[in-house]
Amino acid sequence: MKQKLLADSSATVAILCWLREQKEEMAALLAELVAIPTENPPGNNYRACTDLLERRIRELGLECKRIVPAGARSGPEDAPASLLASYGSGERTLYFHGHYDVVPAQSVEQFRPIRKENFLFGRGSCDMKGGIVAMLYAMLAIRECGEKLNGRIGLMLVPDEETGGQRGSGKLAREGLLGQNGMGMLMAEPTSSVVWNANREAISLRVRVLGKSAHVGLQHQGTNAFERIHRVVERLQELKREVEQRSTRSRVGAEQRRNSILMLGGQSGGGTNFNVVPEECWFTVDRRINPEENLAEEKARLLGTLEECREMGIPLEWEVFQEAGSD
């Protein structure tokens, strides 16, 4: 046992030493990735990002396969392709899983990477293009240090994680490619230095409340969607107060709360001008569900609240843009 511990320690030291030698190369790749504004929604510049990643993976001597949507042979600019790379042999696989899309920025300056000593700042550097670079170079470190594997390491890079992942992880799952022959999966999402072994289920909606447009001088001829939206939010706040009294028994990180989550207005908008009665206003609802709760039941309660608003005479519609269960 002592000899094994010494061998493990020696391997760790060798891997860390090799990675330190690649620091500048890793930072340069991360800067290139951050500079590509893969904002989602709507899903911009996916092709440029996957081209860079596929080229670099192949240059580094790893196998790589591109999974593209049906009909996208060469792929448009925003083609939501997934990349599958691997190192090792055999069927038994430990997967490294990551996404290359990022949440929308407030300005283009956020896509201009800034290096400060050992830190690189820019939209997506943490969530999670830095994680992509880390996982890729972890595979290379194992190869370059001559560590033997009992199987393979698979790297899966997907789009659309920020909006539910149906064209990324969802597509791979539907085609039987997600976690195939997997013995485990690691995701380098930012978690405040806490290792998570699970995540909440989720359902996210975009709710639109409708009205009738009119000039401010004739506002009596219009119907104000902004004023109507407040009535919908009030009903959802009642549900929010009830939901967020619940808490999970599962272990969570020190910085995380145990309460179930219902967040209103992560994004919102509406209207055309300051002097025009808004005929449409919209906002998002993000519901994160603890293990003790049931996704189908919580979805029904959420949509039921919106149906009640309709019954109150408020014209509205909604779309579900994310629904992620535990299977």
C-alpha atoms as a PDB file:
ATOM      1  CA  MET A   1       0.000   0.000   0.000  1.00  0.00           C
ATOM      2  CA  LYS A   2       2.830   2.407   0.857  1.00  0.00           C
ATOM      3  CA  GLN A   3       4.513   1.743  -2.496  1.00  0.00           C
ATOM      4  CA  LYS A   4       1.234   2.423  -4.305  1.00  0.00           C
ATOM      5  CA  LEU A   5       0.769   5.719  -2.466  1.00  0.00           C
ATOM      6  CA  LEU A   6       4.296   6.745  -3.360  1.00  0.00           C
ATOM      7  CA  ALA A   7       3.698   5.824  -7.002  1.00  0.00           C
ATOM      8  CA  ASP A   8       0.435   7.797  -7.060  1.00  0.00           C
ATOM      9  CA  SER A   9       2.178  10.795  -5.504  1.00  0.00           C
ATOM     10  CA  SER A  10       4.981  10.621  -8.052  1.00  0.00           C
ATOM     11  CA  ALA A  11       2.491  10.497 -10.930  1.00  0.00           C
ATOM     12  CA  THR A  12       0.628  13.523  -9.553  1.00  0.00           C
ATOM     13  CA  VAL A  13       3.833  15.527  -9.274  1.00  0.00           C
ATOM     14  CA  ALA A  14       4.814  14.640 -12.839  1.00  0.00           C
ATOM     15  CA  ILE A  15       1.412  15.640 -14.211  1.00  0.00           C
ATOM     16  CA  LEU A  16       1.399  18.958 -12.330  1.00  0.00           C
ATOM     17  CA  CYS A  17       4.929  19.751 -13.502  1.00  0.00           C
ATOM     18  CA  TRP A  18       3.952  19.079 -17.118  1.00  0.00           C
ATOM     19  CA  LEU A  19       0.862  21.270 -16.817  1.00  0.00           C
ATOM     20  CA  ARG A  20       2.874  24.168 -15.381  1.00  0.00           C
ATOM     21  CA  GLU A  21       5.104  24.014 -18.439  1.00  0.00           C
ATOM     22  CA  GLN A  22       2.014  24.404 -20.661  1.00  0.00           C
ATOM     23  CA  LYS A  23       0.644  27.435 -18.787  1.00  0.00           C
ATOM     24  CA  GLU A  24       1.192  29.959 -21.578  1.00  0.00           C
ATOM     25  CA  GLU A  25      -0.126  27.607 -24.245  1.00  0.00           C
ATOM     26  CA  MET A  26      -3.255  26.948 -22.213  1.00  0.00           C
ATOM     27  CA  ALA A  27      -3.807  30.663 -21.564  1.00  0.00           C
ATOM     28  CA  ALA A  28      -3.412  31.438 -25.272  1.00  0.00           C
ATOM     29  CA  LEU A  29      -6.032  28.853 -26.261  1.00  0.00           C
ATOM     30  CA  LEU A  30      -8.429  30.121 -23.611  1.00  0.00           C
ATOM     31  CA  ALA A  31      -7.978  33.696 -24.864  1.00  0.00           C
ATOM     32  CA  GLU A  32      -8.805  32.573 -28.413  1.00  0.00           C
ATOM     33  CA  LEU A  33     -11.961  30.831 -27.203  1.00  0.00           C
ATOM     34  CA  VAL A  34     -13.124  33.779 -25.085  1.00  0.00           C
ATOM     35  CA  ALA A  35     -12.690  36.096 -28.082  1.00  0.00           C
ATOM     36  CA  ILE A  36     -15.332  34.112 -29.999  1.00  0.00           C
ATOM     37  CA  PRO A  37     -18.725  35.467 -28.806  1.00  0.00           C
ATOM     38  CA  THR A  38     -20.738  32.241 -28.603  1.00  0.00           C
ATOM     39  CA  GLU A  39     -23.698  33.992 -26.968  1.00  0.00           C
ATOM     40  CA  ASN A  40     -26.737  31.851 -26.237  1.00  0.00           C
ATOM     41  CA  PRO A  41     -29.423  32.858 -26.771  1.00  0.00           C
ATOM     42  CA  PRO A  42     -29.457  33.034 -29.721  1.00  0.00           C
ATOM     43  CA  GLY A  43     -26.450  30.753 -30.388  1.00  0.00           C
ATOM     44  CA  ASN A  44     -23.954  32.942 -32.233  1.00  0.00           C
ATOM     45  CA  ASN A  45     -20.593  31.955 -33.760  1.00  0.00           C
ATOM     46  CA  TYR A  46     -20.844  28.268 -32.916  1.00  0.00           C
ATOM     47  CA  ARG A  47     -19.106  27.240 -36.137  1.00  0.00           C
ATOM     48  CA  ALA A  48     -16.073  29.466 -35.502  1.00  0.00           C
ATOM     49  CA  CYS A  49     -15.695  28.047 -31.988  1.00  0.00           C
ATOM     50  CA  THR A  50     -16.033  24.378 -32.942  1.00  0.00           C
ATOM     51  CA  ASP A  51     -13.679  24.851 -35.897  1.00  0.00           C
ATOM     52  CA  LEU A  52     -11.030  26.230 -33.551  1.00  0.00           C
ATOM     53  CA  LEU A  53     -11.556  23.478 -30.978  1.00  0.00           C
ATOM     54  CA  GLU A  54     -11.573  20.647 -33.526  1.00  0.00           C
ATOM     55  CA  ARG A  55      -8.453  21.960 -35.233  1.00  0.00           C
ATOM     56  CA  ARG A  56      -6.582  22.340 -31.952  1.00  0.00           C
ATOM     57  CA  ILE A  57      -7.653  18.923 -30.662  1.00  0.00           C
ATOM     58  CA  ARG A  58      -6.398  17.276 -33.847  1.00  0.00           C
ATOM     59  CA  GLU A  59      -3.162  19.285 -33.800  1.00  0.00           C
ATOM     60  CA  LEU A  60      -2.574  17.985 -30.281  1.00  0.00           C
ATOM     61  CA  GLY A  61      -2.829  14.420 -31.582  1.00  0.00           C
ATOM     62  CA  LEU A  62      -6.234  13.332 -30.281  1.00  0.00           C
ATOM     63  CA  GLU A  63      -9.083  11.746 -32.208  1.00  0.00           C
ATOM     64  CA  CYS A  64     -12.056  14.046 -32.728  1.00  0.00           C
ATOM     65  CA  LYS A  65     -15.504  13.548 -34.250  1.00  0.00           C
ATOM     66  CA  ARG A  66     -17.980  16.295 -35.154  1.00  0.00           C
ATOM     67  CA  ILE A  67     -21.696  15.587 -34.634  1.00  0.00           C
ATOM     68  CA  VAL A  68     -23.816  18.008 -36.688  1.00  0.00           C
ATOM     69  CA  PRO A  69     -27.585  18.446 -37.001  1.00  0.00           C
ATOM     70  CA  ALA A  70     -29.367  16.723 -39.862  1.00  0.00           C
ATOM     71  CA  GLY A  71     -29.152  18.795 -43.027  1.00  0.00           C
ATOM     72  CA  ALA A  72     -26.134  20.866 -41.909  1.00  0.00           C
ATOM     73  CA  ARG A  73     -23.477  19.207 -44.089  1.00  0.00           C
ATOM     74  CA  SER A  74     -20.934  21.978 -44.099  1.00  0.00           C
ATOM     75  CA  GLY A  75     -22.808  23.771 -41.355  1.00  0.00           C
ATOM     76  CA  PRO A  76     -24.064  27.354 -41.211  1.00  0.00           C
ATOM     77  CA  GLU A  77     -22.321  29.906 -39.019  1.00  0.00           C
ATOM     78  CA  ASP A  78     -24.392  28.975 -35.976  1.00  0.00           C
ATOM     79  CA  ALA A  79     -24.579  25.188 -36.548  1.00  0.00           C
ATOM     80  CA  PRO A  80     -24.942  23.629 -33.074  1.00  0.00           C
ATOM     81  CA  ALA A  81     -22.323  20.898 -33.530  1.00  0.00           C
ATOM     82  CA  SER A  82     -20.958  18.707 -30.738  1.00  0.00           C
ATOM     83  CA  LEU A  83     -17.358  17.498 -30.619  1.00  0.00           C
ATOM     84  CA  LEU A  84     -16.332  14.084 -29.295  1.00  0.00           C
ATOM     85  CA  ALA A  85     -12.634  13.479 -28.632  1.00  0.00           C
ATOM     86  CA  SER A  86     -10.908  10.599 -26.890  1.00  0.00           C
ATOM     87  CA  TYR A  87      -7.634   9.204 -25.612  1.00  0.00           C
ATOM     88  CA  GLY A  88      -6.931   5.601 -24.710  1.00  0.00           C
ATOM     89  CA  SER A  89      -8.484   2.339 -25.837  1.00  0.00           C
ATOM     90  CA  GLY A  90     -11.240  -0.029 -24.849  1.00  0.00           C
ATOM     91  CA  GLU A  91     -14.913   0.554 -24.149  1.00  0.00           C
ATOM     92  CA  ARG A  92     -14.740   1.559 -20.471  1.00  0.00           C
ATOM     93  CA  THR A  93     -14.846   5.382 -20.549  1.00  0.00           C
ATOM     94  CA  LEU A  94     -14.510   8.255 -18.100  1.00  0.00           C
ATOM     95  CA  TYR A  95     -16.128  11.286 -19.708  1.00  0.00           C
ATOM     96  CA  PHE A  96     -15.087  14.919 -19.451  1.00  0.00           C
ATOM     97  CA  HIS A  97     -18.137  16.987 -20.432  1.00  0.00           C
ATOM     98  CA  GLY A  98     -18.354  20.694 -21.224  1.00  0.00           C
ATOM     99  CA  HIS A  99     -20.225  23.362 -23.185  1.00  0.00           C
ATOM    100  CA  TYR A 100     -18.866  26.161 -25.345  1.00  0.00           C
ATOM    101  CA  ASP A 101     -21.872  28.525 -25.370  1.00  0.00           C
ATOM    102  CA  VAL A 102     -21.987  31.464 -22.954  1.00  0.00           C
ATOM    103  CA  VAL A 103     -24.715  33.696 -21.552  1.00  0.00           C
ATOM    104  CA  PRO A 104     -25.170  36.992 -23.447  1.00  0.00           C
ATOM    105  CA  ALA A 105     -22.755  39.812 -22.661  1.00  0.00           C
ATOM    106  CA  GLN A 106     -23.552  43.391 -21.691  1.00  0.00           C
ATOM    107  CA  SER A 107     -20.964  44.765 -24.135  1.00  0.00           C
ATOM    108  CA  VAL A 108     -18.522  43.583 -26.801  1.00  0.00           C
ATOM    109  CA  GLU A 109     -15.645  44.478 -24.484  1.00  0.00           C
ATOM    110  CA  GLN A 110     -16.456  41.375 -22.451  1.00  0.00           C
ATOM    111  CA  PHE A 111     -15.184  39.264 -25.345  1.00  0.00           C
ATOM    112  CA  ARG A 112     -11.775  40.947 -25.249  1.00  0.00           C
ATOM    113  CA  PRO A 113      -9.763  38.661 -22.943  1.00  0.00           C
ATOM    114  CA  ILE A 114      -7.618  40.362 -20.306  1.00  0.00           C
ATOM    115  CA  ARG A 115      -4.659  38.541 -18.722  1.00  0.00           C
ATOM    116  CA  LYS A 116      -3.631  39.500 -15.182  1.00  0.00           C
ATOM    117  CA  GLU A 117      -0.810  37.274 -13.900  1.00  0.00           C
ATOM    118  CA  ASN A 118      -2.301  33.791 -13.592  1.00  0.00           C
ATOM    119  CA  PHE A 119      -5.863  34.910 -14.299  1.00  0.00           C
ATOM    120  CA  LEU A 120      -7.672  35.474 -17.578  1.00  0.00           C
ATOM    121  CA  PHE A 121     -10.862  37.534 -17.580  1.00  0.00           C
ATOM    122  CA  GLY A 122     -13.596  37.630 -20.224  1.00  0.00           C
ATOM    123  CA  ARG A 123     -17.103  36.354 -20.899  1.00  0.00           C
ATOM    124  CA  GLY A 124     -17.094  32.558 -20.638  1.00  0.00           C
ATOM    125  CA  SER A 125     -13.576  32.255 -19.194  1.00  0.00           C
ATOM    126  CA  CYS A 126     -15.062  30.615 -16.084  1.00  0.00           C
ATOM    127  CA  ASP A 127     -18.343  29.205 -17.420  1.00  0.00           C
ATOM    128  CA  MET A 128     -16.903  27.273 -19.029  1.00  0.00           C
ATOM    129  CA  LYS A 129     -14.253  27.715 -21.674  1.00  0.00           C
ATOM    130  CA  GLY A 130     -11.604  27.596 -18.957  1.00  0.00           C
ATOM    131  CA  GLY A 131     -13.015  24.227 -17.987  1.00  0.00           C
ATOM    132  CA  ILE A 132     -12.768  23.022 -21.587  1.00  0.00           C
ATOM    133  CA  VAL A 133      -9.079  23.941 -21.745  1.00  0.00           C
ATOM    134  CA  ALA A 134      -8.446  22.328 -18.348  1.00  0.00           C
ATOM    135  CA  MET A 135     -10.090  19.046 -19.346  1.00  0.00           C
ATOM    136  CA  LEU A 136      -8.337  18.921 -22.703  1.00  0.00           C
ATOM    137  CA  TYR A 137      -4.919  19.468 -21.156  1.00  0.00           C
ATOM    138  CA  ALA A 138      -5.655  16.977 -18.376  1.00  0.00           C
ATOM    139  CA  MET A 139      -6.012  14.348 -21.094  1.00  0.00           C
ATOM    140  CA  LEU A 140      -2.773  15.476 -22.699  1.00  0.00           C
ATOM    141  CA  ALA A 141      -0.952  15.453 -19.360  1.00  0.00           C
ATOM    142  CA  ILE A 142      -1.926  11.833 -18.760  1.00  0.00           C
ATOM    143  CA  ARG A 143      -0.705  10.915 -22.237  1.00  0.00           C
ATOM    144  CA  GLU A 144       2.554  12.879 -22.078  1.00  0.00           C
ATOM    145  CA  CYS A 145       3.426  11.543 -18.623  1.00  0.00           C
ATOM    146  CA  GLY A 146       2.934   7.964 -19.797  1.00  0.00           C
ATOM    147  CA  GLU A 147       0.178   7.093 -17.312  1.00  0.00           C
ATOM    148  CA  LYS A 148      -1.602   3.843 -18.145  1.00  0.00           C
ATOM    149  CA  LEU A 149      -5.382   3.811 -18.449  1.00  0.00           C
ATOM    150  CA  ASN A 150      -7.755   0.940 -17.951  1.00  0.00           C
ATOM    151  CA  GLY A 151      -9.998   2.216 -20.731  1.00  0.00           C
ATOM    152  CA  ARG A 152     -10.462   5.636 -22.309  1.00  0.00           C
ATOM    153  CA  ILE A 153     -11.053   9.272 -21.454  1.00  0.00           C
ATOM    154  CA  GLY A 154     -13.769  10.848 -23.595  1.00  0.00           C
ATOM    155  CA  LEU A 155     -14.136  14.614 -24.070  1.00  0.00           C
ATOM    156  CA  MET A 156     -17.633  15.804 -25.033  1.00  0.00           C
ATOM    157  CA  LEU A 157     -18.088  19.488 -25.988  1.00  0.00           C
ATOM    158  CA  VAL A 158     -21.659  20.605 -26.631  1.00  0.00           C
ATOM    159  CA  PRO A 159     -23.714  23.714 -27.475  1.00  0.00           C
ATOM    160  CA  ASP A 160     -26.871  25.174 -25.936  1.00  0.00           C
ATOM    161  CA  GLU A 161     -26.242  24.295 -22.279  1.00  0.00           C
ATOM    162  CA  GLU A 162     -27.372  27.785 -21.290  1.00  0.00           C
ATOM    163  CA  THR A 163     -30.818  27.151 -22.826  1.00  0.00           C
ATOM    164  CA  GLY A 164     -31.490  23.552 -21.867  1.00  0.00           C
ATOM    165  CA  GLY A 165     -29.154  21.625 -24.168  1.00  0.00           C
ATOM    166  CA  GLN A 166     -31.663  19.980 -26.499  1.00  0.00           C
ATOM    167  CA  ARG A 167     -29.395  20.494 -29.534  1.00  0.00           C
ATOM    168  CA  GLY A 168     -26.324  19.483 -27.539  1.00  0.00           C
ATOM    169  CA  SER A 169     -26.460  16.955 -24.696  1.00  0.00           C
ATOM    170  CA  GLY A 170     -30.105  16.253 -25.512  1.00  0.00           C
ATOM    171  CA  LYS A 171     -29.277  15.344 -29.108  1.00  0.00           C
ATOM    172  CA  LEU A 172     -26.420  13.076 -28.021  1.00  0.00           C
ATOM    173  CA  ALA A 173     -28.709  11.366 -25.510  1.00  0.00           C
ATOM    174  CA  ARG A 174     -31.411  10.782 -28.137  1.00  0.00           C
ATOM    175  CA  GLU A 175     -28.840   9.223 -30.467  1.00  0.00           C
ATOM    176  CA  GLY A 176     -27.395   6.974 -27.752  1.00  0.00           C
ATOM    177  CA  LEU A 177     -24.026   8.773 -27.719  1.00  0.00           C
ATOM    178  CA  LEU A 178     -24.167  10.497 -24.347  1.00  0.00           C
ATOM    179  CA  GLY A 179     -22.156   8.565 -21.778  1.00  0.00           C
ATOM    180  CA  GLN A 180     -21.860   5.451 -23.943  1.00  0.00           C
ATOM    181  CA  ASN A 181     -19.990   2.741 -21.980  1.00  0.00           C
ATOM    182  CA  GLY A 182     -19.395   5.357 -19.314  1.00  0.00           C
ATOM    183  CA  MET A 183     -17.996   4.578 -15.877  1.00  0.00           C
ATOM    184  CA  GLY A 184     -18.427   8.195 -14.794  1.00  0.00           C
ATOM    185  CA  MET A 185     -18.617  11.780 -15.980  1.00  0.00           C
ATOM    186  CA  LEU A 186     -16.853  14.916 -14.806  1.00  0.00           C
ATOM    187  CA  MET A 187     -18.018  18.448 -15.666  1.00  0.00           C
ATOM    188  CA  ALA A 188     -15.787  21.430 -15.009  1.00  0.00           C
ATOM    189  CA  GLU A 189     -18.630  23.871 -14.320  1.00  0.00           C
ATOM    190  CA  PRO A 190     -17.785  26.655 -11.832  1.00  0.00           C
ATOM    191  CA  THR A 191     -19.095  25.577  -8.414  1.00  0.00           C
ATOM    192  CA  SER A 192     -17.217  27.906  -6.032  1.00  0.00           C
ATOM    193  CA  SER A 193     -14.519  25.254  -5.438  1.00  0.00           C
ATOM    194  CA  VAL A 194     -17.112  22.751  -4.180  1.00  0.00           C
ATOM    195  CA  VAL A 195     -17.298  19.334  -5.848  1.00  0.00           C
ATOM    196  CA  TRP A 196     -20.922  18.570  -6.700  1.00  0.00           C
ATOM    197  CA  ASN A 197     -22.138  15.061  -7.466  1.00  0.00           C
ATOM    198  CA  ALA A 198     -25.621  16.059  -8.624  1.00  0.00           C
ATOM    199  CA  ASN A 199     -27.726  19.036  -9.660  1.00  0.00           C
ATOM    200  CA  ARG A 200     -31.297  20.253  -9.348  1.00  0.00           C
ATOM    201  CA  GLU A 201     -33.889  19.523 -12.009  1.00  0.00           C
ATOM    202  CA  ALA A 202     -35.041  22.592 -13.933  1.00  0.00           C
ATOM    203  CA  ILE A 203     -37.845  24.074 -15.955  1.00  0.00           C
ATOM    204  CA  SER A 204     -37.567  27.538 -17.495  1.00  0.00           C
ATOM    205  CA  LEU A 205     -40.244  29.560 -19.267  1.00  0.00           C
ATOM    206  CA  ARG A 206     -40.608  32.772 -21.232  1.00  0.00           C
ATOM    207  CA  VAL A 207     -43.991  34.356 -20.460  1.00  0.00           C
ATOM    208  CA  ARG A 208     -45.561  36.966 -22.792  1.00  0.00           C
ATOM    209  CA  VAL A 209     -48.432  39.159 -21.624  1.00  0.00           C
ATOM    210  CA  LEU A 210     -50.421  40.830 -24.396  1.00  0.00           C
ATOM    211  CA  GLY A 211     -52.153  44.197 -24.657  1.00  0.00           C
ATOM    212  CA  LYS A 212     -53.075  46.732 -27.343  1.00  0.00           C
ATOM    213  CA  SER A 213     -50.856  49.479 -28.693  1.00  0.00           C
ATOM    214  CA  ALA A 214     -51.824  53.150 -28.738  1.00  0.00           C
ATOM    215  CA  HIS A 215     -50.116  56.561 -28.617  1.00  0.00           C
ATOM    216  CA  VAL A 216     -49.825  58.047 -25.123  1.00  0.00           C
ATOM    217  CA  GLY A 217     -52.247  60.806 -26.070  1.00  0.00           C
ATOM    218  CA  LEU A 218     -54.812  58.143 -26.916  1.00  0.00           C
ATOM    219  CA  GLN A 219     -53.851  55.626 -24.270  1.00  0.00           C
ATOM    220  CA  HIS A 220     -57.515  55.089 -23.437  1.00  0.00           C
ATOM    221  CA  GLN A 221     -57.765  53.281 -26.767  1.00  0.00           C
ATOM    222  CA  GLY A 222     -54.994  50.864 -25.850  1.00  0.00           C
ATOM    223  CA  THR A 223     -54.433  48.190 -23.205  1.00  0.00           C
ATOM    224  CA  ASN A 224     -51.183  48.357 -21.234  1.00  0.00           C
ATOM    225  CA  ALA A 225     -49.378  45.002 -21.228  1.00  0.00           C
ATOM    226  CA  PHE A 226     -46.900  46.320 -18.631  1.00  0.00           C
ATOM    227  CA  GLU A 227     -49.701  46.964 -16.146  1.00  0.00           C
ATOM    228  CA  ARG A 228     -51.168  43.536 -16.847  1.00  0.00           C
ATOM    229  CA  ILE A 229     -47.820  41.832 -16.329  1.00  0.00           C
ATOM    230  CA  HIS A 230     -47.749  42.989 -12.710  1.00  0.00           C
ATOM    231  CA  ARG A 231     -50.880  40.977 -11.971  1.00  0.00           C
ATOM    232  CA  VAL A 232     -49.219  37.842 -13.385  1.00  0.00           C
ATOM    233  CA  VAL A 233     -46.038  38.451 -11.382  1.00  0.00           C
ATOM    234  CA  GLU A 234     -48.076  38.910  -8.188  1.00  0.00           C
ATOM    235  CA  ARG A 235     -49.652  35.461  -8.653  1.00  0.00           C
ATOM    236  CA  LEU A 236     -46.260  33.895  -9.330  1.00  0.00           C
ATOM    237  CA  GLN A 237     -44.801  35.591  -6.255  1.00  0.00           C
ATOM    238  CA  GLU A 238     -47.403  33.795  -4.151  1.00  0.00           C
ATOM    239  CA  LEU A 239     -46.168  30.480  -5.584  1.00  0.00           C
ATOM    240  CA  LYS A 240     -42.547  31.597  -5.088  1.00  0.00           C
ATOM    241  CA  ARG A 241     -43.099  32.264  -1.371  1.00  0.00           C
ATOM    242  CA  GLU A 242     -44.537  28.782  -0.918  1.00  0.00           C
ATOM    243  CA  VAL A 243     -41.885  27.008  -3.030  1.00  0.00           C
ATOM    244  CA  GLU A 244     -38.913  28.655  -1.357  1.00  0.00           C
ATOM    245  CA  GLN A 245     -40.007  27.537   2.112  1.00  0.00           C
ATOM    246  CA  ARG A 246     -39.053  23.985   1.094  1.00  0.00           C
ATOM    247  CA  SER A 247     -35.528  22.712   1.581  1.00  0.00           C
ATOM    248  CA  THR A 248     -33.589  19.611   0.602  1.00  0.00           C
ATOM    249  CA  ARG A 249     -32.033  17.080   2.932  1.00  0.00           C
ATOM    250  CA  SER A 250     -29.205  16.523   0.472  1.00  0.00           C
ATOM    251  CA  ARG A 251     -25.707  17.788   1.222  1.00  0.00           C
ATOM    252  CA  VAL A 252     -24.888  21.063  -0.493  1.00  0.00           C
ATOM    253  CA  GLY A 253     -21.856  23.344  -0.580  1.00  0.00           C
ATOM    254  CA  ALA A 254     -21.331  25.880   2.163  1.00  0.00           C
ATOM    255  CA  GLU A 255     -22.198  28.765  -0.195  1.00  0.00           C
ATOM    256  CA  GLN A 256     -25.381  27.106  -1.450  1.00  0.00           C
ATOM    257  CA  ARG A 257     -28.839  27.312   0.107  1.00  0.00           C
ATOM    258  CA  ARG A 258     -30.972  24.225   0.598  1.00  0.00           C
ATOM    259  CA  ASN A 259     -34.168  25.968  -0.457  1.00  0.00           C
ATOM    260  CA  SER A 260     -36.002  25.159  -3.632  1.00  0.00           C
ATOM    261  CA  ILE A 261     -35.858  27.964  -6.209  1.00  0.00           C
ATOM    262  CA  LEU A 262     -38.283  29.992  -8.290  1.00  0.00           C
ATOM    263  CA  MET A 263     -36.711  33.077  -9.886  1.00  0.00           C
ATOM    264  CA  LEU A 264     -38.721  35.697 -11.766  1.00  0.00           C
ATOM    265  CA  GLY A 265     -37.462  38.154 -14.353  1.00  0.00           C
ATOM    266  CA  GLY A 266     -33.966  36.923 -15.079  1.00  0.00           C
ATOM    267  CA  GLN A 267     -34.701  38.477 -18.459  1.00  0.00           C
ATOM    268  CA  SER A 268     -37.544  40.855 -19.266  1.00  0.00           C
ATOM    269  CA  GLY A 269     -38.602  43.390 -21.861  1.00  0.00           C
ATOM    270  CA  GLY A 270     -41.386  44.899 -23.882  1.00  0.00           C
ATOM    271  CA  GLY A 271     -42.774  48.010 -25.494  1.00  0.00           C
ATOM    272  CA  THR A 272     -41.553  49.963 -28.501  1.00  0.00           C
ATOM    273  CA  ASN A 273     -41.141  53.532 -27.198  1.00  0.00           C
ATOM    274  CA  PHE A 274     -41.624  55.655 -24.083  1.00  0.00           C
ATOM    275  CA  ASN A 275     -44.731  57.335 -25.530  1.00  0.00           C
ATOM    276  CA  VAL A 276     -46.495  54.219 -26.837  1.00  0.00           C
ATOM    277  CA  VAL A 277     -48.745  51.930 -24.810  1.00  0.00           C
ATOM    278  CA  PRO A 278     -46.905  48.564 -24.788  1.00  0.00           C
ATOM    279  CA  GLU A 279     -48.863  45.839 -26.535  1.00  0.00           C
ATOM    280  CA  GLU A 280     -46.517  43.094 -25.302  1.00  0.00           C
ATOM    281  CA  CYS A 281     -44.296  42.562 -22.262  1.00  0.00           C
ATOM    282  CA  TRP A 282     -42.348  39.437 -21.365  1.00  0.00           C
ATOM    283  CA  PHE A 283     -40.251  37.938 -18.605  1.00  0.00           C
ATOM    284  CA  THR A 284     -38.578  34.638 -17.769  1.00  0.00           C
ATOM    285  CA  VAL A 285     -39.319  32.169 -14.990  1.00  0.00           C
ATOM    286  CA  ASP A 286     -36.568  29.817 -13.801  1.00  0.00           C
ATOM    287  CA  ARG A 287     -37.681  26.979 -11.511  1.00  0.00           C
ATOM    288  CA  ARG A 288     -34.996  24.741  -9.935  1.00  0.00           C
ATOM    289  CA  ILE A 289     -36.366  21.619  -8.274  1.00  0.00           C
ATOM    290  CA  ASN A 290     -34.892  19.776  -5.298  1.00  0.00           C
ATOM    291  CA  PRO A 291     -34.626  15.953  -5.183  1.00  0.00           C
ATOM    292  CA  GLU A 292     -37.591  15.640  -2.823  1.00  0.00           C
ATOM    293  CA  GLU A 293     -39.857  17.361  -5.353  1.00  0.00           C
ATOM    294  CA  ASN A 294     -41.380  15.969  -8.547  1.00  0.00           C
ATOM    295  CA  LEU A 295     -40.609  17.747 -11.831  1.00  0.00           C
ATOM    296  CA  ALA A 296     -43.924  16.885 -13.494  1.00  0.00           C
ATOM    297  CA  GLU A 297     -45.931  18.037 -10.468  1.00  0.00           C
ATOM    298  CA  GLU A 298     -44.003  21.290 -10.112  1.00  0.00           C
ATOM    299  CA  LYS A 299     -44.324  22.007 -13.825  1.00  0.00           C
ATOM    300  CA  ALA A 300     -48.080  21.452 -13.591  1.00  0.00           C
ATOM    301  CA  ARG A 301     -48.330  23.863 -10.637  1.00  0.00           C
ATOM    302  CA  LEU A 302     -46.337  26.523 -12.448  1.00  0.00           C
ATOM    303  CA  LEU A 303     -48.350  26.263 -15.651  1.00  0.00           C
ATOM    304  CA  GLY A 304     -51.532  26.010 -13.609  1.00  0.00           C
ATOM    305  CA  THR A 305     -50.781  29.418 -12.091  1.00  0.00           C
ATOM    306  CA  LEU A 306     -50.453  30.887 -15.574  1.00  0.00           C
ATOM    307  CA  GLU A 307     -53.714  29.230 -16.623  1.00  0.00           C
ATOM    308  CA  GLU A 308     -55.401  30.859 -13.611  1.00  0.00           C
ATOM    309  CA  CYS A 309     -54.176  34.234 -14.869  1.00  0.00           C
ATOM    310  CA  ARG A 310     -55.787  33.504 -18.217  1.00  0.00           C
ATOM    311  CA  GLU A 311     -59.022  32.683 -16.459  1.00  0.00           C
ATOM    312  CA  MET A 312     -58.778  36.077 -14.743  1.00  0.00           C
ATOM    313  CA  GLY A 313     -58.928  37.639 -18.216  1.00  0.00           C
ATOM    314  CA  ILE A 314     -55.218  38.309 -18.751  1.00  0.00           C
ATOM    315  CA  PRO A 315     -54.184  37.301 -22.282  1.00  0.00           C
ATOM    316  CA  LEU A 316     -50.812  35.609 -22.113  1.00  0.00           C
ATOM    317  CA  GLU A 317     -48.752  32.863 -23.694  1.00  0.00           C
ATOM    318  CA  TRP A 318     -45.601  31.008 -22.730  1.00  0.00           C
ATOM    319  CA  GLU A 319     -42.871  28.807 -24.105  1.00  0.00           C
ATOM    320  CA  VAL A 320     -40.749  26.275 -22.237  1.00  0.00           C
ATOM    321  CA  PHE A 321     -37.146  26.740 -23.347  1.00  0.00           C
ATOM    322  CA  GLN A 322     -35.536  24.455 -20.776  1.00  0.00           C
ATOM    323  CA  GLU A 323     -36.759  21.275 -19.149  1.00  0.00           C
ATOM    324  CA  ALA A 324     -34.138  19.074 -17.527  1.00  0.00           C
ATOM    325  CA  GLY A 325     -35.022  16.063 -15.444  1.00  0.00           C
ATOM    326  CA  SER A 326     -32.813  13.638 -13.560  1.00  0.00           C
ATOM    327  CA  ASP A 327     -32.683  10.957 -16.285  1.00  0.00           C
END
